[in-house]
N, C-alpha and C. Protein backbone atom coordinates (compact mmCIF):
# COMPACT_ATOMS: atom_id res chain seq x y z
N UNK A 1 11.19 -153.42 -7.95
CA UNK A 1 11.35 -153.62 -9.85
C UNK A 1 12.05 -154.86 -9.82
N UNK A 2 11.32 -155.78 -10.18
CA UNK A 2 11.87 -157.02 -10.63
C UNK A 2 13.11 -157.24 -10.91
N UNK A 3 14.14 -158.25 -10.84
CA UNK A 3 15.54 -157.90 -11.08
C UNK A 3 15.40 -159.45 -12.16
N UNK A 4 16.15 -159.27 -14.04
CA UNK A 4 15.77 -160.49 -14.63
C UNK A 4 17.62 -160.86 -14.71
N UNK A 5 17.64 -162.39 -14.53
CA UNK A 5 18.96 -162.66 -14.47
C UNK A 5 18.77 -163.50 -15.53
N UNK A 6 19.79 -163.64 -16.76
CA UNK A 6 19.28 -164.83 -18.40
C UNK A 6 20.66 -165.39 -17.87
N UNK A 7 20.46 -166.61 -18.36
CA UNK A 7 21.48 -167.53 -18.87
C UNK A 7 21.77 -168.12 -19.59
N UNK A 8 22.74 -169.10 -20.21
CA UNK A 8 22.77 -169.70 -21.74
C UNK A 8 23.51 -171.14 -21.39
N UNK A 9 23.00 -172.03 -22.11
CA UNK A 9 23.93 -173.81 -21.94
C UNK A 9 23.31 -174.26 -22.60
N UNK A 10 23.97 -175.33 -23.51
CA UNK A 10 23.37 -177.29 -23.81
C UNK A 10 22.38 -177.36 -22.99
N UNK A 11 23.08 -177.85 -21.52
CA UNK A 11 22.06 -178.78 -20.81
C UNK A 11 21.74 -180.03 -21.32
N UNK A 12 22.60 -180.35 -21.96
CA UNK A 12 22.39 -182.04 -22.78
C UNK A 12 22.82 -182.98 -21.68
N UNK A 13 22.03 -183.77 -21.44
CA UNK A 13 22.66 -185.16 -20.76
C UNK A 13 22.71 -184.39 -18.86
N UNK A 14 21.41 -183.91 -18.90
CA UNK A 14 21.19 -182.30 -17.52
C UNK A 14 21.39 -183.77 -16.36
N UNK A 15 22.76 -182.71 -15.75
CA UNK A 15 22.85 -183.15 -14.39
C UNK A 15 23.04 -182.49 -13.23
N UNK A 16 23.48 -182.67 -12.25
CA UNK A 16 23.52 -182.08 -10.99
C UNK A 16 24.31 -180.64 -11.52
N UNK A 17 25.12 -180.56 -12.15
CA UNK A 17 25.58 -179.26 -12.46
C UNK A 17 25.28 -178.29 -13.08
N UNK A 18 24.47 -178.85 -14.01
CA UNK A 18 23.50 -177.69 -14.61
C UNK A 18 22.22 -177.45 -13.90
N UNK A 19 22.08 -178.24 -12.75
CA UNK A 19 20.97 -178.11 -11.92
C UNK A 19 20.95 -176.96 -10.67
N UNK A 20 22.49 -177.03 -10.32
CA UNK A 20 23.05 -176.15 -8.91
C UNK A 20 23.25 -174.11 -10.43
N UNK A 21 23.90 -174.63 -11.21
CA UNK A 21 24.10 -173.53 -11.69
C UNK A 21 22.89 -172.84 -11.65
N UNK A 22 21.82 -173.46 -11.84
CA UNK A 22 20.68 -172.20 -12.40
C UNK A 22 20.30 -172.24 -11.00
N UNK A 23 20.27 -172.96 -10.13
CA UNK A 23 19.66 -172.66 -9.02
C UNK A 23 20.53 -171.07 -8.35
N UNK A 24 21.72 -171.37 -8.44
CA UNK A 24 22.48 -170.35 -8.23
C UNK A 24 22.59 -168.77 -9.13
N UNK A 25 22.64 -169.30 -10.31
CA UNK A 25 21.84 -168.13 -11.48
C UNK A 25 20.26 -167.50 -10.81
N UNK A 26 19.15 -168.44 -10.40
CA UNK A 26 18.23 -167.59 -10.20
C UNK A 26 18.59 -167.60 -8.88
N UNK A 27 18.99 -167.28 -7.89
CA UNK A 27 19.30 -166.34 -6.74
C UNK A 27 19.85 -165.11 -7.07
N UNK A 28 20.05 -164.99 -8.12
CA UNK A 28 20.68 -163.44 -8.10
C UNK A 28 20.03 -162.31 -8.97
N UNK A 29 18.64 -163.22 -8.84
CA UNK A 29 17.39 -162.09 -9.55
C UNK A 29 16.58 -162.65 -8.56
N UNK A 30 14.71 -161.92 -9.37
CA UNK A 30 13.55 -162.57 -9.26
C UNK A 30 13.52 -162.91 -10.06
N UNK A 31 13.56 -163.58 -11.17
CA UNK A 31 13.62 -163.97 -12.81
C UNK A 31 14.39 -164.84 -13.73
N UNK A 32 14.46 -165.95 -13.77
CA UNK A 32 15.29 -166.60 -14.41
C UNK A 32 15.02 -166.84 -15.96
N UNK A 33 15.96 -166.43 -16.77
CA UNK A 33 15.62 -166.61 -18.52
C UNK A 33 16.77 -167.31 -18.60
N UNK A 34 16.36 -168.21 -19.70
CA UNK A 34 17.39 -169.17 -19.61
C UNK A 34 17.13 -169.49 -21.15
N UNK A 35 18.42 -169.54 -22.01
CA UNK A 35 19.14 -169.62 -23.77
C UNK A 35 19.08 -171.44 -23.80
N UNK A 36 19.22 -171.85 -24.38
CA UNK A 36 19.28 -173.54 -24.95
C UNK A 36 19.95 -173.80 -25.88
N UNK A 37 21.02 -173.07 -25.40
CA UNK A 37 21.40 -173.49 -26.99
C UNK A 37 21.31 -174.82 -28.46
N UNK A 38 20.84 -174.25 -29.58
CA UNK A 38 19.94 -174.53 -30.73
C UNK A 38 21.20 -176.09 -31.11
N UNK A 39 20.27 -176.53 -31.66
CA UNK A 39 20.99 -178.29 -32.15
C UNK A 39 22.22 -177.61 -33.10
N UNK A 40 21.72 -177.05 -34.07
CA UNK A 40 22.90 -176.73 -35.01
C UNK A 40 24.43 -175.79 -34.36
N UNK A 41 23.75 -175.11 -33.50
CA UNK A 41 25.01 -173.81 -32.78
C UNK A 41 26.16 -175.01 -31.92
N UNK A 42 25.42 -176.27 -30.94
CA UNK A 42 25.84 -177.45 -30.46
C UNK A 42 26.93 -178.13 -31.14
N UNK A 43 26.72 -178.11 -32.40
CA UNK A 43 27.03 -179.10 -33.64
C UNK A 43 28.44 -178.01 -34.35
N UNK A 44 28.32 -176.54 -34.21
CA UNK A 44 28.98 -175.96 -34.90
C UNK A 44 30.48 -175.71 -33.15
N UNK A 45 29.85 -175.66 -32.38
CA UNK A 45 30.41 -175.31 -31.19
C UNK A 45 31.43 -176.69 -30.79
N UNK A 46 31.02 -177.52 -30.64
CA UNK A 46 31.59 -178.23 -29.92
C UNK A 46 31.92 -179.64 -30.59
N UNK A 47 31.63 -179.60 -32.53
CA UNK A 47 31.65 -180.58 -33.08
C UNK A 47 30.97 -181.58 -33.25
N UNK A 48 29.87 -181.79 -32.28
CA UNK A 48 28.60 -183.00 -32.59
C UNK A 48 27.42 -182.48 -31.70
N UNK A 49 26.60 -183.09 -32.20
CA UNK A 49 25.10 -182.78 -32.05
C UNK A 49 25.00 -183.20 -30.63
N UNK A 50 24.05 -182.49 -29.89
CA UNK A 50 23.92 -183.05 -28.83
C UNK A 50 23.23 -184.46 -28.73
N UNK A 51 23.12 -185.13 -27.36
CA UNK A 51 22.17 -186.19 -27.26
C UNK A 51 20.74 -186.02 -26.98
N UNK A 52 20.37 -184.95 -26.47
CA UNK A 52 18.48 -184.76 -26.55
C UNK A 52 18.49 -183.98 -27.60
N UNK A 53 17.52 -184.10 -28.22
CA UNK A 53 16.80 -183.30 -28.93
C UNK A 53 17.09 -181.58 -28.61
N UNK A 54 17.11 -180.60 -29.29
CA UNK A 54 16.59 -179.03 -28.58
C UNK A 54 15.40 -179.14 -28.13
N UNK A 55 14.24 -179.67 -28.62
CA UNK A 55 13.18 -179.78 -27.78
C UNK A 55 13.18 -180.77 -26.63
N UNK A 56 13.49 -181.08 -26.70
CA UNK A 56 13.80 -182.48 -25.45
C UNK A 56 14.61 -181.62 -24.56
N UNK A 57 15.81 -181.01 -24.42
CA UNK A 57 16.16 -179.72 -23.53
C UNK A 57 15.86 -178.82 -23.35
N UNK A 58 14.82 -178.03 -24.37
CA UNK A 58 14.07 -177.69 -23.63
C UNK A 58 12.89 -177.36 -22.88
N UNK A 59 12.27 -178.39 -23.09
CA UNK A 59 11.08 -179.37 -22.25
C UNK A 59 12.03 -179.47 -20.56
N UNK A 60 12.70 -179.78 -20.88
CA UNK A 60 13.47 -180.18 -19.53
C UNK A 60 13.93 -178.83 -18.72
N UNK A 61 14.81 -177.91 -19.56
CA UNK A 61 15.02 -176.64 -18.39
C UNK A 61 13.66 -176.12 -18.13
N UNK A 62 12.89 -176.03 -19.52
CA UNK A 62 11.47 -175.24 -18.82
C UNK A 62 10.59 -175.77 -17.45
N UNK A 63 11.00 -177.11 -17.20
CA UNK A 63 10.32 -177.62 -16.46
C UNK A 63 10.91 -177.68 -14.99
N UNK A 64 11.77 -176.65 -15.32
CA UNK A 64 12.58 -176.37 -13.62
C UNK A 64 11.61 -175.31 -12.78
N UNK A 65 11.56 -175.34 -11.70
CA UNK A 65 11.24 -174.14 -10.82
C UNK A 65 11.78 -173.31 -10.54
N UNK A 66 12.84 -173.37 -10.72
CA UNK A 66 14.10 -172.05 -10.83
C UNK A 66 13.90 -171.33 -12.04
N UNK A 67 12.93 -172.00 -13.36
CA UNK A 67 12.90 -171.24 -14.55
C UNK A 67 11.98 -170.72 -14.73
N UNK A 68 11.96 -169.72 -15.06
CA UNK A 68 10.56 -168.55 -15.44
C UNK A 68 10.41 -168.63 -16.83
N UNK A 69 11.39 -168.77 -18.10
CA UNK A 69 11.28 -168.23 -18.93
C UNK A 69 12.44 -169.58 -20.03
N UNK A 70 12.25 -169.96 -21.03
CA UNK A 70 13.83 -170.83 -21.57
C UNK A 70 13.16 -169.93 -23.54
N UNK A 71 14.11 -169.62 -23.92
CA UNK A 71 14.44 -169.82 -25.15
C UNK A 71 15.40 -170.39 -26.42
N UNK A 72 15.27 -170.30 -27.68
CA UNK A 72 16.51 -171.21 -28.14
C UNK A 72 17.44 -170.32 -28.89
N UNK A 73 18.94 -170.23 -28.19
CA UNK A 73 20.08 -169.37 -28.53
C UNK A 73 19.79 -169.88 -29.77
N UNK A 74 20.50 -169.32 -31.10
CA UNK A 74 20.69 -169.78 -32.27
C UNK A 74 22.02 -169.61 -32.79
N UNK A 75 23.03 -168.39 -31.63
CA UNK A 75 24.14 -167.45 -32.33
C UNK A 75 24.72 -167.34 -30.96
N UNK A 76 26.12 -167.65 -30.64
CA UNK A 76 26.75 -166.96 -29.82
C UNK A 76 27.44 -165.18 -29.78
N UNK A 77 26.96 -165.17 -30.89
CA UNK A 77 27.37 -163.56 -31.30
C UNK A 77 26.28 -162.78 -31.52
N UNK A 78 24.76 -163.29 -30.65
CA UNK A 78 23.69 -162.65 -30.45
C UNK A 78 23.60 -162.30 -28.96
N UNK A 79 24.40 -162.47 -28.20
CA UNK A 79 24.02 -162.31 -27.02
C UNK A 79 23.31 -160.87 -26.43
N UNK A 80 24.27 -160.22 -27.19
CA UNK A 80 23.81 -158.49 -26.32
C UNK A 80 22.38 -158.79 -26.79
N UNK A 81 21.67 -159.12 -27.85
CA UNK A 81 20.39 -158.77 -28.40
C UNK A 81 19.19 -159.99 -27.68
N UNK A 82 19.79 -160.59 -27.16
CA UNK A 82 19.08 -161.75 -26.83
C UNK A 82 18.93 -161.08 -24.90
N UNK A 83 20.08 -160.09 -24.47
CA UNK A 83 20.05 -159.39 -23.02
C UNK A 83 19.07 -158.71 -23.44
N UNK A 84 19.03 -158.35 -24.23
CA UNK A 84 18.30 -156.35 -24.75
C UNK A 84 16.80 -157.24 -24.96
N UNK A 85 16.45 -158.15 -25.52
CA UNK A 85 15.16 -158.81 -25.64
C UNK A 85 14.74 -159.39 -25.05
N UNK A 86 15.48 -159.53 -23.55
CA UNK A 86 14.88 -160.35 -22.38
C UNK A 86 14.93 -159.40 -21.62
N UNK A 87 15.03 -158.31 -21.23
CA UNK A 87 15.13 -157.16 -20.40
C UNK A 87 16.11 -157.71 -19.48
N UNK A 88 17.30 -158.15 -19.17
CA UNK A 88 18.68 -158.79 -18.69
C UNK A 88 18.87 -157.48 -17.53
N UNK A 89 19.28 -157.89 -16.23
CA UNK A 89 19.66 -156.77 -15.45
C UNK A 89 21.04 -157.63 -15.14
N UNK A 90 21.27 -159.21 -15.40
CA UNK A 90 22.55 -159.76 -15.04
C UNK A 90 22.51 -160.45 -16.02
N UNK A 91 23.18 -161.54 -16.26
CA UNK A 91 23.83 -162.00 -17.18
C UNK A 91 24.83 -163.06 -16.24
N UNK A 92 24.47 -164.63 -16.60
CA UNK A 92 25.51 -165.41 -15.98
C UNK A 92 25.90 -166.27 -16.59
N UNK A 93 27.32 -166.25 -16.85
CA UNK A 93 27.70 -167.56 -17.22
C UNK A 93 28.89 -168.51 -16.75
N UNK A 94 29.45 -169.61 -16.79
CA UNK A 94 30.16 -170.71 -15.77
C UNK A 94 31.00 -169.52 -16.36
N UNK A 95 32.49 -169.98 -15.19
CA UNK A 95 33.47 -169.07 -15.30
C UNK A 95 34.71 -169.95 -16.10
N UNK A 96 34.04 -170.81 -16.79
CA UNK A 96 35.26 -170.93 -18.38
C UNK A 96 34.85 -170.38 -19.38
N UNK A 97 33.69 -169.23 -19.20
CA UNK A 97 33.57 -168.20 -20.11
C UNK A 97 33.97 -167.01 -19.59
N UNK A 98 34.95 -166.71 -18.42
CA UNK A 98 35.22 -165.49 -17.44
C UNK A 98 36.37 -164.45 -18.59
N UNK A 99 35.78 -163.17 -18.58
CA UNK A 99 35.86 -162.78 -19.24
C UNK A 99 35.43 -162.33 -20.99
N UNK A 100 35.10 -163.56 -21.04
CA UNK A 100 34.12 -163.14 -23.02
C UNK A 100 33.36 -162.39 -23.00
N UNK A 101 32.07 -162.20 -21.98
CA UNK A 101 31.39 -161.57 -22.12
C UNK A 101 30.99 -160.01 -21.21
N UNK A 102 32.88 -159.93 -21.06
CA UNK A 102 32.71 -158.45 -20.37
C UNK A 102 32.48 -157.41 -20.75
N UNK A 103 32.21 -157.50 -21.88
CA UNK A 103 32.00 -156.20 -23.07
C UNK A 103 30.23 -156.21 -22.96
N UNK A 104 30.00 -156.41 -22.07
CA UNK A 104 28.52 -156.86 -22.38
C UNK A 104 27.79 -156.77 -20.80
N UNK A 105 28.72 -155.60 -20.13
CA UNK A 105 28.22 -155.22 -18.56
C UNK A 105 28.08 -153.54 -18.99
N UNK A 106 28.02 -153.05 -20.18
CA UNK A 106 27.19 -152.13 -20.21
C UNK A 106 26.09 -151.77 -20.09
N UNK A 107 25.57 -152.78 -20.38
CA UNK A 107 23.62 -153.15 -20.98
C UNK A 107 23.34 -153.93 -19.18
N UNK A 108 24.11 -154.50 -18.46
CA UNK A 108 23.97 -155.33 -17.67
C UNK A 108 24.84 -156.41 -16.54
N UNK A 109 24.59 -156.27 -15.11
CA UNK A 109 26.21 -157.36 -14.61
C UNK A 109 25.70 -158.36 -15.04
N UNK A 110 27.46 -158.74 -15.68
CA UNK A 110 28.18 -160.15 -16.13
C UNK A 110 28.91 -160.63 -14.51
N UNK A 111 28.45 -161.93 -14.17
CA UNK A 111 28.74 -162.71 -13.51
C UNK A 111 28.84 -163.92 -13.90
N UNK A 112 30.35 -164.50 -13.05
CA UNK A 112 30.96 -165.92 -13.66
C UNK A 112 30.81 -166.33 -12.17
N UNK A 113 30.02 -167.81 -12.50
CA UNK A 113 30.21 -168.40 -11.66
C UNK A 113 30.68 -169.60 -11.87
N UNK A 114 31.24 -170.21 -10.52
CA UNK A 114 31.87 -171.70 -10.81
C UNK A 114 31.29 -172.88 -11.05
N UNK A 115 31.82 -173.63 -11.86
CA UNK A 115 31.50 -175.07 -12.18
C UNK A 115 31.50 -176.00 -11.25
N UNK A 116 30.43 -176.83 -11.22
CA UNK A 116 30.49 -177.70 -10.02
C UNK A 116 31.36 -178.78 -10.35
N UNK A 117 32.35 -178.69 -8.98
CA UNK A 117 33.68 -179.82 -9.25
C UNK A 117 33.36 -180.91 -9.79
N UNK A 118 34.11 -181.51 -10.29
CA UNK A 118 33.86 -183.19 -11.26
C UNK A 118 32.58 -183.39 -11.95
N UNK A 119 32.33 -182.53 -12.62
CA UNK A 119 31.18 -183.20 -12.97
C UNK A 119 30.89 -182.37 -14.90
N UNK A 120 30.90 -182.99 -15.70
CA UNK A 120 31.01 -182.69 -16.76
C UNK A 120 30.25 -183.79 -17.96
N UNK A 121 29.27 -182.93 -18.75
CA UNK A 121 28.29 -183.42 -19.62
C UNK A 121 29.52 -184.34 -20.42
N UNK A 122 30.39 -183.85 -20.89
CA UNK A 122 31.39 -184.97 -22.15
C UNK A 122 31.85 -186.03 -21.09
N UNK A 123 32.62 -186.06 -19.91
CA UNK A 123 33.24 -187.54 -18.88
C UNK A 123 31.66 -187.81 -18.62
N UNK A 124 30.79 -187.39 -18.78
CA UNK A 124 29.48 -188.67 -18.54
C UNK A 124 29.66 -189.08 -19.38
N UNK A 125 29.15 -188.42 -20.74
CA UNK A 125 28.95 -189.13 -21.86
C UNK A 125 30.09 -190.11 -22.44
N UNK A 126 31.55 -189.74 -22.17
CA UNK A 126 32.72 -190.81 -22.32
C UNK A 126 32.55 -191.77 -21.28
N UNK A 127 32.24 -191.87 -20.14
CA UNK A 127 31.93 -192.85 -19.35
C UNK A 127 30.40 -193.73 -19.39
N UNK A 128 29.47 -193.28 -20.40
CA UNK A 128 28.55 -194.13 -20.38
C UNK A 128 29.07 -194.75 -21.72
N UNK A 129 29.36 -194.42 -22.84
CA UNK A 129 30.37 -195.13 -24.03
C UNK A 129 31.29 -196.05 -23.21
N UNK A 130 31.86 -195.60 -22.31
CA UNK A 130 33.07 -196.89 -22.06
C UNK A 130 32.54 -197.99 -21.43
N UNK A 131 30.90 -197.68 -21.06
CA UNK A 131 30.40 -199.02 -20.46
C UNK A 131 30.00 -200.41 -21.42
């Protein structure tokens, strides 16, 4: 039986850290499903709209060979529903979220992966702004 891994992210200003976390998530199963945060969700949680639009970010992530399916994540509070809808066996999140989704371990395995060191979308955006 195929093992489905689900992960979530903004994936704005796509960089090597994004690619590495998706590759590591994909290695934990047979099928990788990615929830890409909606523009409105990003504005609520980060206080700014993404550089790349929701449609652009969905196109970028869906083009990756390790990704089997993408969907729009409208709300952080709907993680349980998204996991059930997509038949998740594993939820993968970055370790900056460690412990936050442990309550979902009743429906799937919850794994927190370390972030790629010295790579941050915010730092990249700030660097570009300083040029």
